[in-house]
Amino acid sequence: MQPEKSEKGKSFKQRLVLKSSLAKETLSEFLGTFIMIVLGCGSVAQAILSRGLFGGIITINVGFAMAVAMAIYVAGGVSGGHINPAVSFAMCLFGRMKWFKLPFYVGAQFLGAFVGAATLFGIYYDGLMSFAGGKLLIVGENATAHIFATYPAPYLSLTNAFADQSWKQLLVDSCSGPYGWCCHRRPHLRSCH
């Protein structure tokens, strides 16, 4: 009966506190990825659905940069702010994160991205439906699929697309990864999880 009395004495806020550090980190990655997708892809949606009237390449770049900054700000203090499965994998590979956490991080990141895209779809539903007469197109002048995903150019082979993405990820991870040149003098930027 003693545990029941202690539960009754706690406030609602105290009962909601997560006790597991893995649960906190997983929720943090979910929220960080969710924020990045809603804000980043939201800037793309604003530019596309306004046909460039209320945004363009500059607003998309600034919007995505701010989205990543906000996502890292939200998740960074709890989980390191990976917000990308490739970064989480690199952290495990270099021994900066335990391998058993990887499926939880990746699952949270995928779920956060999916829920973020679904939220954005709901927010812009009317705009998406009126943009191309109720059709959701992948290619063409009225295509809206590239709001939520990237597609290779028609001339790009699968081999070159793989090399392009691998090279870019290598540059990103070498710059900001666990042993990246941007972080070696700034220990506060390194993930410690």
Protein backbone atom coordinates (compact mmCIF):
# COMPACT_ATOMS: atom_id res chain seq x y z
CA MET A 1 0.00 0.00 0.00
CA GLN A 2 2.93 2.28 0.47
CA PRO A 3 3.60 2.64 -3.33
CA GLU A 4 -0.03 3.62 -3.92
CA LYS A 5 0.19 6.43 -1.39
CA SER A 6 3.35 7.78 -3.00
CA GLU A 7 1.65 7.72 -6.44
CA LYS A 8 -1.35 9.62 -5.08
CA GLY A 9 0.92 12.24 -3.52
CA LYS A 10 2.63 13.01 -6.86
CA SER A 11 1.34 15.74 -9.11
CA PHE A 12 0.15 15.01 -12.63
CA LYS A 13 3.36 16.51 -14.03
CA GLN A 14 5.53 14.29 -11.83
CA ARG A 15 3.67 11.18 -13.02
CA LEU A 16 4.27 12.10 -16.68
CA VAL A 17 8.05 12.33 -16.33
CA LEU A 18 9.89 9.65 -18.31
CA LYS A 19 12.31 7.71 -16.16
CA SER A 20 14.08 5.70 -18.86
CA SER A 21 16.91 7.54 -20.59
CA LEU A 22 16.34 5.44 -23.73
CA ALA A 23 12.68 6.51 -23.81
CA LYS A 24 13.74 10.16 -23.45
CA GLU A 25 16.30 9.84 -26.25
CA THR A 26 13.84 8.04 -28.52
CA LEU A 27 11.16 10.68 -27.95
CA SER A 28 13.75 13.38 -28.52
CA GLU A 29 14.75 11.93 -31.90
CA PHE A 30 11.08 11.58 -32.85
CA LEU A 31 10.36 15.23 -32.01
CA GLY A 32 13.54 16.51 -33.66
CA THR A 33 12.85 14.69 -36.91
CA PHE A 34 9.18 15.72 -36.79
CA ILE A 35 10.15 19.38 -36.42
CA MET A 36 12.72 19.18 -39.20
CA ILE A 37 10.22 17.68 -41.66
CA VAL A 38 7.31 19.98 -40.79
CA LEU A 39 9.38 23.17 -40.97
CA GLY A 40 11.75 22.16 -43.78
CA CYS A 41 9.22 20.55 -46.10
CA GLY A 42 6.78 23.30 -45.09
CA SER A 43 9.10 25.85 -46.67
CA VAL A 44 9.16 23.74 -49.84
CA ALA A 45 5.36 23.43 -49.81
CA GLN A 46 4.95 27.19 -49.41
CA ALA A 47 7.20 27.87 -52.40
CA ILE A 48 5.70 25.17 -54.64
CA LEU A 49 2.03 25.73 -53.87
CA SER A 50 2.33 29.49 -54.30
CA ARG A 51 4.06 28.87 -57.65
CA GLY A 52 7.02 30.90 -56.43
CA LEU A 53 4.95 33.90 -55.38
CA PHE A 54 5.56 33.43 -51.63
CA GLY A 55 8.91 31.68 -51.71
CA GLY A 56 11.68 30.33 -53.84
CA ILE A 57 15.11 28.76 -53.63
CA ILE A 58 16.31 31.22 -50.98
CA THR A 59 13.32 30.69 -48.68
CA ILE A 60 13.62 26.92 -49.09
CA ASN A 61 17.32 26.98 -48.18
CA VAL A 62 16.81 29.31 -45.23
CA GLY A 63 13.70 27.40 -44.16
CA PHE A 64 15.46 24.05 -44.17
CA ALA A 65 18.51 25.49 -42.41
CA MET A 66 16.27 26.90 -39.68
CA ALA A 67 14.37 23.60 -39.52
CA VAL A 68 17.57 21.64 -38.94
CA ALA A 69 18.76 24.18 -36.37
CA MET A 70 15.46 24.00 -34.47
CA ALA A 71 15.44 20.19 -34.63
CA ILE A 72 18.97 19.98 -33.24
CA TYR A 73 18.09 22.56 -30.60
CA VAL A 74 15.13 20.45 -29.48
CA ALA A 75 16.84 17.05 -29.60
CA GLY A 76 20.49 17.92 -29.06
CA GLY A 77 20.49 18.16 -25.30
CA VAL A 78 18.78 14.81 -24.79
CA SER A 79 19.86 12.50 -27.61
CA GLY A 80 22.55 14.39 -29.48
CA GLY A 81 20.18 15.61 -32.19
CA HIS A 82 21.07 13.03 -34.84
CA ILE A 83 17.71 13.41 -36.69
CA ASN A 84 19.11 11.14 -39.42
CA PRO A 85 19.65 7.36 -39.37
CA ALA A 86 22.98 7.74 -41.18
CA VAL A 87 24.28 9.98 -38.40
CA SER A 88 23.07 7.53 -35.75
CA PHE A 89 24.77 4.67 -37.61
CA ALA A 90 28.01 6.68 -37.83
CA MET A 91 27.85 7.37 -34.09
CA CYS A 92 27.56 3.63 -33.43
CA LEU A 93 30.32 2.85 -35.91
CA PHE A 94 32.74 5.24 -34.20
CA GLY A 95 31.77 4.06 -30.72
CA ARG A 96 29.96 7.24 -29.70
CA MET A 97 26.64 5.44 -29.18
CA LYS A 98 25.80 1.90 -28.10
CA TRP A 99 24.61 -0.42 -30.88
CA PHE A 100 21.50 -1.55 -29.01
CA LYS A 101 20.14 2.02 -29.23
CA LEU A 102 20.36 2.17 -33.03
CA PRO A 103 17.01 0.46 -33.81
CA PHE A 104 15.24 2.74 -31.34
CA TYR A 105 16.80 5.87 -32.82
CA VAL A 106 16.14 4.80 -36.41
CA GLY A 107 12.56 3.78 -35.60
CA ALA A 108 11.90 7.10 -33.89
CA GLN A 109 13.45 9.03 -36.79
CA PHE A 110 11.38 7.19 -39.40
CA LEU A 111 8.22 7.59 -37.36
CA GLY A 112 8.95 11.27 -36.75
CA ALA A 113 9.52 11.85 -40.47
CA PHE A 114 6.34 10.01 -41.41
CA VAL A 115 4.19 11.81 -38.83
CA GLY A 116 5.78 15.12 -39.84
CA ALA A 117 4.98 14.51 -43.52
CA ALA A 118 1.43 13.44 -42.63
CA THR A 119 0.99 16.58 -40.53
CA LEU A 120 2.28 18.74 -43.35
CA PHE A 121 -0.05 16.97 -45.80
CA GLY A 122 -2.95 17.74 -43.46
CA ILE A 123 -1.94 21.38 -43.06
CA TYR A 124 -1.61 21.90 -46.82
CA TYR A 125 -4.40 19.52 -47.88
CA ASP A 126 -6.60 22.22 -49.43
CA GLY A 127 -3.64 23.77 -51.23
CA LEU A 128 -2.49 20.39 -52.55
CA MET A 129 -5.97 19.53 -53.80
CA SER A 130 -6.49 22.86 -55.55
CA PHE A 131 -2.96 23.02 -57.01
CA ALA A 132 -3.49 20.40 -59.74
CA GLY A 133 -7.24 19.99 -59.76
CA GLY A 134 -7.32 17.30 -57.06
CA LYS A 135 -4.52 15.21 -58.58
CA LEU A 136 -1.33 14.41 -56.72
CA LEU A 137 1.32 14.27 -59.44
CA ILE A 138 4.92 13.08 -59.36
CA VAL A 139 6.16 14.68 -62.59
CA GLY A 140 5.16 17.62 -64.68
CA GLU A 141 4.40 21.27 -64.20
CA ASN A 142 1.90 20.63 -61.39
CA ALA A 143 3.93 17.99 -59.54
CA THR A 144 3.67 18.11 -55.76
CA ALA A 145 5.46 14.89 -54.79
CA HIS A 146 8.82 16.65 -54.57
CA ILE A 147 7.50 18.56 -51.54
CA PHE A 148 7.89 15.35 -49.55
CA ALA A 149 10.72 13.52 -51.34
CA THR A 150 13.57 13.97 -53.78
CA TYR A 151 13.70 12.26 -57.14
CA PRO A 152 16.71 11.83 -59.41
CA ALA A 153 16.83 13.71 -62.67
CA PRO A 154 15.87 11.60 -65.69
CA TYR A 155 19.46 11.58 -67.01
CA LEU A 156 20.99 10.35 -63.72
CA SER A 157 21.89 6.66 -63.56
CA LEU A 158 21.40 4.60 -60.41
CA THR A 159 25.18 4.27 -59.98
CA ASN A 160 25.73 8.03 -60.18
CA ALA A 161 22.79 8.70 -57.86
CA PHE A 162 24.27 6.31 -55.27
CA ALA A 163 27.72 7.89 -55.62
CA ASP A 164 26.24 11.39 -55.33
CA GLN A 165 24.35 10.63 -52.13
CA SER A 166 27.21 8.65 -50.61
CA TRP A 167 29.70 11.43 -51.27
CA LYS A 168 27.39 14.06 -49.80
CA GLN A 169 26.77 11.98 -46.70
CA LEU A 170 30.51 11.41 -46.31
CA LEU A 171 31.10 15.16 -46.42
CA VAL A 172 28.33 15.86 -43.92
CA ASP A 173 29.51 13.16 -41.50
CA SER A 174 33.17 14.14 -41.81
CA CYS A 175 32.29 17.76 -41.12
CA SER A 176 29.88 17.25 -38.23
CA GLY A 177 30.30 13.62 -37.21
CA PRO A 178 31.84 12.31 -34.03
CA TYR A 179 35.40 13.01 -35.20
CA GLY A 180 34.63 15.70 -37.75
CA TRP A 181 36.93 18.64 -38.38
CA CYS A 182 34.21 21.12 -37.34
CA CYS A 183 33.92 19.60 -33.88
CA HIS A 184 37.46 18.81 -32.78
CA ARG A 185 37.87 22.14 -30.99
CA ARG A 186 34.24 22.42 -29.93
CA PRO A 187 33.46 19.51 -27.60
CA HIS A 188 29.97 20.87 -26.94
CA LEU A 189 29.05 20.03 -30.55
CA ARG A 190 29.99 16.37 -30.17
CA SER A 191 27.35 13.86 -29.22
CA CYS A 192 28.08 12.07 -25.98
CA HIS A 193 25.32 9.44 -26.23
